[in-house]
Amino acid sequence: MESNLKGRLQFPLSKNSKGVLQNSRVAEKQKRSGRFRMATSLFLWTNTTNYRSDCTGIVFNDREFNIPVLKDVWDEGKKRIKARNFAIFAPTGEGKSFLANNMLRQYFEVGVRLVIIDLGGSYTKFASLYPGQSTVLRYENGKSLGINPFYISNRDDVIPERLEDLSLFLFELMGAGTTPQKEWSVALKKLLLAYYKESQIVPHSLEGFYNFVSKHQKDLLSRLQIDSEYFNVKGFLHILSEYVGEGLYSFLFGANEDQSYRLEDKRLIVFELDEVKDNKEILSVMLKLIKTAIQRTVWRNREERGIILFDEFAKQLKFDNVLESVEFYYQAIRKQEGAIGIILQSINQLPQNSTSASILENTQIIYSLRNEKGYAALQERLQLSAHDLNQLKSIRNHLSGHPKYTEIFIKIGKESNIFRLEVPPEVYAAYLTEGPDNESIMALYEAYGDMEQAIKAFINLKNKEE
């Protein structure tokens, strides 16, 4: 039998380890195929997460059975990423703010402190759900936010860290950037220290410091042993004149006492800057003021987990002074137990320059929703793999019938996968940021004075209509 079989087959036969007759050429191909399949599986395993829940994390849904999955996007031990900063990319109407609301609410409920700098008004409802733990500071044209970075309650507040922060704030305000020369920094800190020691006019303020330098300009530098090369008094007085007295932007620093203390016990802080989004000068100053408030309150405890989110900043990132202010947050967060998030319609809204490159380099968690125009720019600038691109192209949403869900590409370090976001009707109503349904909920909120009650009433009305 064996000889007959050998005669019929083109390739020689051999016996395997079990003594079974087999074609040796085919056997070799099977071995190679098995090794290839194993290698391929290992390759995908190291680059694609499965749908097993992590011990902690944000709740999404898997793509196979639509069941809830915990996804650890904080990575406490930093095993997958070195920076927790994240970015959300999606065109208008695809649910960027909805996704952000979902993630931030879950972070909030496990004790993470949140600061949202918003130009679109997408988080008022979120804040209203936690009235005792949140505050919304809204910029109104021609009015101050109530932040006075020079304010001190007593002389003991004048510590080296405070002087460092103030000197950096002033350098930014004067257009000297965030990395001034050491000689200039030392000179300005000497001047600030002299102001706090010698001035009897309280509360201390930018205008107070300006008047102090102006009054003593003839002998101030020599008395403090500061070379005029390291501090240009005339230049300082000229540039800062816009922010004091009758200056064009003096209203920005009109606060006497610092209202930052209102933020100390708040775990959700929303800065709404919608009215100033088209004025790059005021917006830039606002970001600097907000930064000082955060440093004096939110970031005092470096071990406390916190997230700062920038939403609707697409157009404003074209302004150099605004982009540099945003970048500074990325630099400062390295010293904190926290993360920076940014939401954009397209990655091309980040200018092609070194500042944007620095921001992207320090962003290691990527969320992308569906984009009908494709993902080529995202792949190019984030250096996504072909595997990542194929996953992005596979995103499908289901917004008619039940259950409704959107799909999201999530990449953490080198790992990526597609998840779904599906929420109950009450949560869906809480995350709405625009449209007639949102307007109805806000009208009910005005009537009831309680957001949770307003959402329940809205759901009841919807159910009756159906």
Protein backbone atom coordinates (compact mmCIF):
# COMPACT_ATOMS: atom_id res chain seq x y z
CA MET A 1 0.00 0.00 0.00
CA GLU A 2 2.76 2.33 0.94
CA SER A 3 4.61 1.78 -2.35
CA ASN A 4 1.45 2.29 -4.38
CA LEU A 5 0.79 5.57 -2.63
CA LYS A 6 4.34 6.70 -3.21
CA GLY A 7 3.92 6.01 -6.88
CA ARG A 8 0.81 8.11 -7.16
CA LEU A 9 2.19 11.18 -5.37
CA GLN A 10 4.63 13.61 -6.83
CA PHE A 11 6.24 14.45 -3.51
CA PRO A 12 7.94 11.92 -1.23
CA LEU A 13 6.14 10.59 1.84
CA SER A 14 7.46 10.31 5.35
CA LYS A 15 6.14 9.30 8.72
CA ASN A 16 5.45 11.90 11.38
CA SER A 17 6.17 11.54 15.10
CA LYS A 18 3.03 9.43 15.50
CA GLY A 19 3.99 7.07 12.65
CA VAL A 20 1.32 8.45 10.33
CA LEU A 21 2.23 8.61 6.66
CA GLN A 22 2.35 12.20 5.33
CA ASN A 23 3.64 14.20 2.40
CA SER A 24 6.90 15.74 3.62
CA ARG A 25 6.60 18.81 1.36
CA VAL A 26 3.06 19.47 2.54
CA ALA A 27 4.11 18.82 6.12
CA GLU A 28 6.83 21.44 5.83
CA LYS A 29 4.36 23.94 4.40
CA GLN A 30 1.99 23.21 7.27
CA LYS A 31 4.76 23.80 9.79
CA ARG A 32 5.62 27.10 8.14
CA SER A 33 1.95 28.07 8.02
CA GLY A 34 1.54 27.25 11.69
CA ARG A 35 4.61 29.30 12.60
CA PHE A 36 3.27 32.17 10.47
CA ARG A 37 -0.13 32.05 12.13
CA MET A 38 1.47 32.00 15.56
CA ALA A 39 3.75 34.91 14.67
CA THR A 40 0.83 36.87 13.25
CA SER A 41 -1.24 36.21 16.36
CA LEU A 42 1.60 37.36 18.60
CA PHE A 43 2.07 40.47 16.48
CA LEU A 44 -1.59 41.42 16.78
CA TRP A 45 -1.67 40.55 20.47
CA THR A 46 1.05 43.09 21.26
CA ASN A 47 -0.69 45.85 19.32
CA THR A 48 -4.38 45.24 19.87
CA THR A 49 -6.12 45.01 23.22
CA ASN A 50 -8.83 42.45 23.76
CA TYR A 51 -12.16 43.08 25.45
CA ARG A 52 -11.34 41.80 28.92
CA SER A 53 -12.11 44.42 31.54
CA ASP A 54 -9.27 46.12 33.36
CA CYS A 55 -9.42 46.40 37.15
CA THR A 56 -10.25 50.10 36.93
CA GLY A 57 -11.05 52.51 34.16
CA ILE A 58 -13.70 54.18 32.00
CA VAL A 59 -16.74 52.13 30.94
CA PHE A 60 -17.11 51.57 27.21
CA ASN A 61 -18.76 48.68 25.34
CA ASP A 62 -17.13 45.90 23.41
CA ARG A 63 -17.70 45.55 19.69
CA GLU A 64 -18.58 41.86 19.72
CA PHE A 65 -21.49 41.65 22.17
CA ASN A 66 -22.02 45.32 23.17
CA ILE A 67 -21.40 44.50 26.83
CA PRO A 68 -19.71 46.99 29.23
CA VAL A 69 -15.92 46.91 29.44
CA LEU A 70 -13.64 48.80 31.82
CA LYS A 71 -10.77 50.43 29.91
CA ASP A 72 -7.84 51.71 31.96
CA VAL A 73 -6.94 54.96 30.22
CA TRP A 74 -5.14 56.41 33.23
CA ASP A 75 -2.44 53.74 33.54
CA GLU A 76 -1.51 54.43 37.15
CA GLY A 77 1.79 52.56 36.91
CA LYS A 78 2.60 54.08 33.50
CA LYS A 79 3.34 50.65 32.07
CA ARG A 80 2.07 51.55 28.60
CA ILE A 81 2.48 55.32 28.48
CA LYS A 82 4.72 57.96 30.02
CA ALA A 83 2.21 60.80 29.70
CA ARG A 84 -1.54 60.55 30.25
CA ASN A 85 -2.36 63.50 28.00
CA PHE A 86 -5.09 62.74 25.46
CA ALA A 87 -6.67 64.13 22.31
CA ILE A 88 -10.13 63.60 20.81
CA PHE A 89 -10.56 64.02 17.05
CA ALA A 90 -13.85 64.09 15.15
CA PRO A 91 -15.75 66.35 12.74
CA THR A 92 -18.66 68.51 13.89
CA GLY A 93 -21.68 66.50 15.00
CA GLU A 94 -19.88 63.18 15.58
CA GLY A 95 -20.00 63.46 19.39
CA LYS A 96 -16.66 64.84 20.61
CA SER A 97 -18.13 66.72 23.57
CA PHE A 98 -20.53 63.83 24.25
CA LEU A 99 -17.56 61.47 24.57
CA ALA A 100 -15.68 63.98 26.74
CA ASN A 101 -18.69 64.39 29.05
CA ASN A 102 -18.92 60.62 29.42
CA MET A 103 -15.25 60.22 30.29
CA LEU A 104 -15.00 63.25 32.57
CA ARG A 105 -18.09 62.31 34.55
CA GLN A 106 -16.63 58.88 35.29
CA TYR A 107 -13.29 60.41 36.25
CA PHE A 108 -15.10 62.89 38.50
CA GLU A 109 -16.98 60.18 40.32
CA VAL A 110 -13.76 58.37 41.26
CA GLY A 111 -12.21 61.49 42.76
CA VAL A 112 -10.31 63.10 39.87
CA ARG A 113 -10.37 66.90 39.92
CA LEU A 114 -11.44 68.50 36.63
CA VAL A 115 -10.71 71.88 35.07
CA ILE A 116 -12.46 72.57 31.76
CA ILE A 117 -11.49 75.56 29.63
CA ASP A 118 -14.33 75.81 27.16
CA LEU A 119 -15.11 78.13 24.27
CA GLY A 120 -18.35 76.40 23.29
CA GLY A 121 -20.53 76.13 26.40
CA SER A 122 -20.68 72.33 26.35
CA TYR A 123 -20.27 71.59 30.06
CA THR A 124 -22.76 73.82 31.89
CA LYS A 125 -25.22 70.93 32.20
CA PHE A 126 -22.50 68.60 33.48
CA ALA A 127 -21.52 71.12 36.17
CA SER A 128 -25.18 71.65 37.11
CA LEU A 129 -25.48 67.98 38.06
CA TYR A 130 -23.02 68.56 40.91
CA PRO A 131 -23.98 72.01 42.30
CA GLY A 132 -22.10 71.71 45.57
CA GLN A 133 -18.89 70.46 44.03
CA SER A 134 -18.65 72.57 40.89
CA THR A 135 -18.34 76.17 39.80
CA VAL A 136 -18.64 77.89 36.43
CA LEU A 137 -16.60 81.06 35.87
CA ARG A 138 -18.00 82.76 32.80
CA TYR A 139 -16.20 85.63 31.06
CA GLU A 140 -18.45 88.59 30.29
CA ASN A 141 -17.34 91.27 27.91
CA GLY A 142 -15.52 94.10 29.69
CA LYS A 143 -15.47 92.34 33.07
CA SER A 144 -12.80 90.62 35.11
CA LEU A 145 -12.82 86.90 35.93
CA GLY A 146 -12.04 87.91 39.51
CA ILE A 147 -8.51 86.48 39.50
CA ASN A 148 -5.75 88.62 41.05
CA PRO A 149 -2.43 86.75 40.79
CA PHE A 150 -0.69 89.32 43.03
CA TYR A 151 -3.10 88.93 45.93
CA ILE A 152 -1.70 87.69 49.27
CA SER A 153 -3.55 87.28 52.54
CA ASN A 154 -0.40 87.84 54.63
CA ARG A 155 3.35 88.31 54.22
CA ASP A 156 3.97 84.60 54.71
CA ASP A 157 2.45 84.02 51.25
CA VAL A 158 5.52 85.62 49.63
CA ILE A 159 7.45 82.41 49.11
CA PRO A 160 9.96 81.58 46.34
CA GLU A 161 7.35 79.54 44.43
CA ARG A 162 4.95 82.50 44.39
CA LEU A 163 7.67 84.82 43.07
CA GLU A 164 8.64 82.28 40.41
CA ASP A 165 5.05 82.00 39.23
CA LEU A 166 4.53 85.76 39.19
CA SER A 167 7.75 86.48 37.33
CA LEU A 168 6.84 83.93 34.68
CA PHE A 169 3.33 85.39 34.43
CA LEU A 170 4.78 88.87 33.85
CA PHE A 171 7.29 87.65 31.27
CA GLU A 172 4.46 86.03 29.32
CA LEU A 173 2.37 89.17 29.63
CA MET A 174 5.26 91.23 28.25
CA GLY A 175 5.71 88.83 25.34
CA ALA A 176 9.04 87.47 26.57
CA GLY A 177 7.89 83.84 26.40
CA THR A 178 7.92 81.14 29.04
CA THR A 179 11.70 80.61 29.21
CA PRO A 180 13.32 83.97 29.99
CA GLN A 181 17.05 84.30 30.52
CA LYS A 182 18.22 83.58 34.05
CA GLU A 183 19.50 87.14 34.54
CA TRP A 184 16.11 88.63 33.63
CA SER A 185 14.28 86.20 35.90
CA VAL A 186 16.49 87.04 38.90
CA ALA A 187 16.04 90.78 38.29
CA LEU A 188 12.24 90.57 38.14
CA LYS A 189 12.03 88.43 41.28
CA LYS A 190 14.14 91.02 43.14
CA LEU A 191 11.71 93.73 42.05
CA LEU A 192 8.67 91.69 43.10
CA LEU A 193 10.18 90.93 46.50
CA ALA A 194 10.93 94.63 47.05
CA TYR A 195 7.34 95.49 46.09
CA TYR A 196 5.87 93.11 48.65
CA LYS A 197 8.27 94.29 51.38
CA GLU A 198 7.99 98.03 50.81
CA SER A 199 4.50 98.73 49.45
CA GLN A 200 1.90 99.61 52.06
CA ILE A 201 -0.95 99.75 49.55
CA VAL A 202 -3.18 96.68 49.77
CA PRO A 203 -4.46 94.56 48.25
CA HIS A 204 -1.41 93.97 46.11
CA SER A 205 -2.12 93.95 42.39
CA LEU A 206 -0.63 94.32 38.94
CA GLU A 207 -1.44 98.02 39.01
CA GLY A 208 0.18 98.33 42.43
CA PHE A 209 3.37 96.71 41.16
CA TYR A 210 3.32 98.89 38.05
CA ASN A 211 2.96 102.06 40.14
CA PHE A 212 5.73 100.91 42.50
CA VAL A 213 8.20 100.47 39.62
CA SER A 214 7.10 103.75 38.03
CA LYS A 215 7.43 105.74 41.28
CA HIS A 216 10.92 104.42 42.13
CA GLN A 217 12.28 103.99 38.61
CA LYS A 218 15.15 106.48 39.06
CA ASP A 219 16.95 104.61 41.84
CA LEU A 220 15.16 101.22 42.04
CA LEU A 221 17.62 99.23 39.93
CA SER A 222 20.74 100.64 41.56
CA ARG A 223 19.29 100.16 45.04
CA LEU A 224 18.56 96.49 44.29
CA GLN A 225 21.86 96.02 42.44
CA ILE A 226 20.18 95.19 39.15
CA ASP A 227 22.00 96.01 35.93
CA SER A 228 19.79 97.91 33.47
CA GLU A 229 20.75 95.29 30.87
CA TYR A 230 18.70 92.76 32.81
CA PHE A 231 15.55 94.85 33.26
CA ASN A 232 14.27 97.49 30.86
CA VAL A 233 12.16 99.83 33.04
CA LYS A 234 10.85 101.94 30.14
CA GLY A 235 9.91 98.86 28.12
CA PHE A 236 8.17 97.32 31.13
CA LEU A 237 6.13 100.46 31.84
CA HIS A 238 5.23 100.89 28.18
CA ILE A 239 3.98 97.35 27.59
CA LEU A 240 2.18 96.97 30.92
CA SER A 241 0.42 100.32 30.52
CA GLU A 242 -2.22 98.49 28.46
CA TYR A 243 -3.28 96.52 31.54
CA VAL A 244 -3.47 99.24 34.22
CA GLY A 245 -5.19 102.61 34.78
CA GLU A 246 -6.95 103.72 31.62
CA GLY A 247 -5.26 101.02 29.54
CA LEU A 248 -7.21 99.14 26.88
CA TYR A 249 -7.24 95.85 28.84
CA SER A 250 -7.15 97.19 32.40
CA PHE A 251 -10.57 95.62 33.11
CA LEU A 252 -8.94 92.17 33.00
CA PHE A 253 -7.08 92.97 36.22
CA GLY A 254 -9.84 94.94 37.91
CA ALA A 255 -10.30 92.46 40.75
CA ASN A 256 -9.02 93.65 44.11
CA GLU A 257 -9.30 90.47 46.13
CA ASP A 258 -8.57 87.18 44.45
CA GLN A 259 -11.65 85.03 43.91
CA SER A 260 -9.49 81.94 43.38
CA TYR A 261 -10.35 80.80 46.89
CA ARG A 262 -13.76 79.87 45.48
CA LEU A 263 -12.00 77.12 43.54
CA GLU A 264 -10.18 75.50 46.44
CA ASP A 265 -12.97 73.14 47.50
CA LYS A 266 -14.42 72.62 44.01
CA ARG A 267 -13.68 69.40 42.16
CA LEU A 268 -15.23 70.51 38.85
CA ILE A 269 -14.23 73.94 37.56
CA VAL A 270 -15.48 75.25 34.21
CA PHE A 271 -14.07 78.41 32.65
CA GLU A 272 -16.46 79.53 29.90
CA LEU A 273 -14.66 81.91 27.55
CA ASP A 274 -17.13 81.87 24.66
CA GLU A 275 -17.44 85.66 24.52
CA VAL A 276 -13.71 86.15 24.15
CA LYS A 277 -12.89 83.41 21.65
CA ASP A 278 -12.24 85.80 18.75
CA ASN A 279 -9.92 88.20 20.63
CA LYS A 280 -6.51 86.58 20.76
CA GLU A 281 -5.06 89.18 23.14
CA ILE A 282 -7.77 88.84 25.78
CA LEU A 283 -7.94 85.06 25.39
CA SER A 284 -4.19 84.78 25.85
CA VAL A 285 -4.34 86.86 29.05
CA MET A 286 -7.30 84.83 30.28
CA LEU A 287 -5.34 81.60 29.85
CA LYS A 288 -2.48 83.11 31.85
CA LEU A 289 -4.82 84.22 34.64
CA ILE A 290 -6.50 80.82 34.73
CA LYS A 291 -3.10 79.18 34.94
CA THR A 292 -2.18 81.21 38.02
CA ALA A 293 -5.52 80.33 39.64
CA ILE A 294 -4.95 76.63 38.95
CA GLN A 295 -1.41 76.78 40.32
CA ARG A 296 -2.62 78.42 43.52
CA THR A 297 -5.51 76.03 44.10
CA VAL A 298 -5.85 72.88 42.00
CA TRP A 299 -2.15 72.11 41.70
CA ARG A 300 -1.15 72.86 45.25
CA ASN A 301 -1.35 69.15 46.03
CA ARG A 302 0.86 67.49 43.43
CA GLU A 303 -0.34 64.03 44.44
CA GLU A 304 -3.98 64.82 43.66
CA ARG A 305 -5.17 63.45 40.33
CA GLY A 306 -6.47 66.08 37.96
CA ILE A 307 -7.40 66.68 34.33
CA ILE A 308 -7.39 69.94 32.37
CA LEU A 309 -9.45 69.89 29.17
CA PHE A 310 -9.36 72.40 26.30
CA ASP A 311 -12.50 72.28 24.17
CA GLU A 312 -13.43 74.23 21.02
CA PHE A 313 -9.94 75.75 20.69
CA ALA A 314 -9.48 74.91 17.00
CA LYS A 315 -9.41 78.41 15.50
CA GLN A 316 -7.64 79.93 18.48
CA LEU A 317 -4.67 77.57 18.20
CA LYS A 318 -3.61 79.50 15.10
CA PHE A 319 -2.75 82.40 17.41
CA ASP A 320 0.88 81.97 18.49
CA ASN A 321 0.39 83.44 21.96
CA VAL A 322 -2.61 81.16 22.60
CA LEU A 323 -0.84 78.04 21.33
CA GLU A 324 2.17 78.82 23.53
CA SER A 325 -0.11 79.28 26.55
CA VAL A 326 -1.67 75.87 25.89
CA GLU A 327 1.77 74.30 25.48
CA PHE A 328 2.79 75.67 28.88
CA TYR A 329 0.03 73.61 30.49
CA TYR A 330 1.56 70.52 28.90
CA GLN A 331 4.94 71.44 30.38
CA ALA A 332 3.51 72.16 33.83
CA ILE A 333 1.44 68.96 34.04
CA ARG A 334 4.64 66.91 34.11
CA LYS A 335 5.10 67.95 37.73
CA GLN A 336 1.56 66.93 38.63
CA GLU A 337 -0.42 63.71 38.93
CA GLY A 338 -2.58 64.70 36.02
CA ALA A 339 -3.34 64.93 32.33
CA ILE A 340 -4.14 67.50 29.65
CA GLY A 341 -6.87 66.86 27.10
CA ILE A 342 -7.61 68.69 23.87
CA ILE A 343 -10.60 68.31 21.53
CA LEU A 344 -10.28 69.10 17.82
CA GLN A 345 -12.29 68.54 14.66
CA SER A 346 -9.13 67.64 12.75
CA ILE A 347 -5.50 67.20 13.61
CA ASN A 348 -4.74 69.76 10.89
CA GLN A 349 -6.17 72.41 13.20
CA LEU A 350 -2.87 72.13 15.04
CA PRO A 351 -0.40 74.27 13.06
CA GLN A 352 2.64 72.59 11.56
CA ASN A 353 5.26 74.02 13.92
CA SER A 354 7.52 73.02 16.80
CA THR A 355 4.96 74.00 19.45
CA SER A 356 2.32 71.69 17.99
CA ALA A 357 4.91 68.96 17.55
CA SER A 358 5.72 69.23 21.26
CA ILE A 359 2.03 68.95 22.17
CA LEU A 360 1.55 65.86 19.98
CA GLU A 361 4.72 64.26 21.29
CA ASN A 362 3.34 64.54 24.81
CA THR A 363 -0.07 63.16 23.83
CA GLN A 364 -0.07 59.38 24.14
CA ILE A 365 -3.79 58.56 24.28
CA ILE A 366 -5.78 59.11 21.09
CA TYR A 367 -9.55 58.96 20.63
CA SER A 368 -11.04 59.24 17.16
CA LEU A 369 -14.68 59.08 16.14
CA ARG A 370 -16.01 58.52 12.65
CA ASN A 371 -14.72 60.82 9.91
CA GLU A 372 -16.26 60.51 6.44
CA LYS A 373 -13.34 62.42 4.92
CA GLY A 374 -10.85 59.78 6.00
CA TYR A 375 -7.95 59.50 8.40
CA ALA A 376 -4.88 60.17 6.23
CA ALA A 377 -3.83 63.32 8.12
CA LEU A 378 -4.28 61.57 11.46
CA GLN A 379 -2.17 58.64 10.30
CA GLU A 380 0.58 60.88 8.95
CA ARG A 381 0.99 63.23 11.89
CA LEU A 382 0.57 60.59 14.59
CA GLN A 383 2.55 57.97 12.66
CA LEU A 384 -0.24 55.43 13.00
CA SER A 385 0.33 51.91 11.71
CA ALA A 386 -1.54 50.32 8.81
CA HIS A 387 -3.33 48.22 11.42
CA ASP A 388 -4.49 51.41 13.21
CA LEU A 389 -5.69 52.87 9.91
CA ASN A 390 -7.70 49.75 9.07
CA GLN A 391 -9.39 49.94 12.44
CA LEU A 392 -10.23 53.61 11.91
CA LYS A 393 -11.78 52.82 8.54
CA SER A 394 -13.93 50.14 10.15
CA ILE A 395 -15.71 52.57 12.51
CA ARG A 396 -19.50 52.34 12.19
CA ASN A 397 -22.20 54.12 14.18
CA HIS A 398 -25.72 52.92 14.87
CA LEU A 399 -27.94 55.89 15.70
CA SER A 400 -31.34 54.58 14.58
CA GLY A 401 -33.33 51.89 16.35
CA HIS A 402 -32.10 50.18 19.50
CA PRO A 403 -29.52 50.05 20.88
CA LYS A 404 -28.00 53.33 19.70
CA TYR A 405 -24.23 53.58 19.87
CA THR A 406 -21.19 55.25 18.39
CA GLU A 407 -17.86 53.54 17.79
CA ILE A 408 -14.55 54.97 18.95
CA PHE A 409 -10.96 54.22 18.04
CA ILE A 410 -8.82 54.28 21.20
CA LYS A 411 -5.02 54.07 21.07
CA ILE A 412 -3.00 53.94 24.29
CA GLY A 413 0.70 53.88 23.64
CA LYS A 414 1.10 51.10 21.07
CA GLU A 415 -2.19 49.34 21.82
CA SER A 416 -5.37 50.13 19.90
CA ASN A 417 -8.90 48.85 19.42
CA ILE A 418 -12.44 49.90 18.54
CA PHE A 419 -14.91 50.37 21.39
CA ARG A 420 -18.54 51.39 21.48
CA LEU A 421 -20.23 54.08 23.53
CA GLU A 422 -23.79 53.25 24.54
CA VAL A 423 -25.56 55.01 27.43
CA PRO A 424 -29.03 54.95 29.04
CA PRO A 425 -31.58 57.63 28.01
CA GLU A 426 -31.01 59.67 31.19
CA VAL A 427 -27.26 59.78 30.62
CA TYR A 428 -27.76 60.57 26.94
CA ALA A 429 -29.91 63.55 27.93
CA ALA A 430 -27.25 64.72 30.40
CA TYR A 431 -24.55 64.69 27.72
CA LEU A 432 -26.48 66.56 25.02
CA THR A 433 -24.78 69.86 24.27
CA GLU A 434 -26.96 71.33 21.51
CA GLY A 435 -30.22 70.96 19.61
CA PRO A 436 -33.92 71.27 20.55
CA ASP A 437 -33.77 68.47 23.15
CA ASN A 438 -30.94 70.23 24.95
CA GLU A 439 -32.89 73.49 24.88
CA SER A 440 -35.91 71.71 26.37
CA ILE A 441 -33.81 70.30 29.20
CA MET A 442 -32.27 73.69 29.98
CA ALA A 443 -35.75 75.25 30.04
CA LEU A 444 -36.87 72.59 32.52
CA TYR A 445 -33.74 73.27 34.57
CA GLU A 446 -34.68 76.95 34.75
CA ALA A 447 -38.11 75.93 36.01
CA TYR A 448 -37.03 73.29 38.54
CA GLY A 449 -33.63 74.62 39.58
CA ASP A 450 -32.36 71.03 39.69
CA MET A 451 -30.68 69.38 36.70
CA GLU A 452 -31.37 65.79 37.70
CA GLN A 453 -35.06 66.56 38.18
CA ALA A 454 -35.13 68.40 34.82
CA ILE A 455 -33.65 65.38 33.01
CA LYS A 456 -36.15 63.00 34.61
CA ALA A 457 -39.01 65.29 33.59
CA PHE A 458 -37.65 65.44 30.04
CA ILE A 459 -37.45 61.63 29.81
CA ASN A 460 -41.04 61.31 31.07
CA LEU A 461 -42.24 63.77 28.43
CA LYS A 462 -40.35 61.85 25.73
CA ASN A 463 -41.86 58.54 26.84
CA LYS A 464 -45.38 60.01 26.70
CA GLU A 465 -44.75 61.30 23.18
CA GLU A 466 -43.69 57.84 22.05
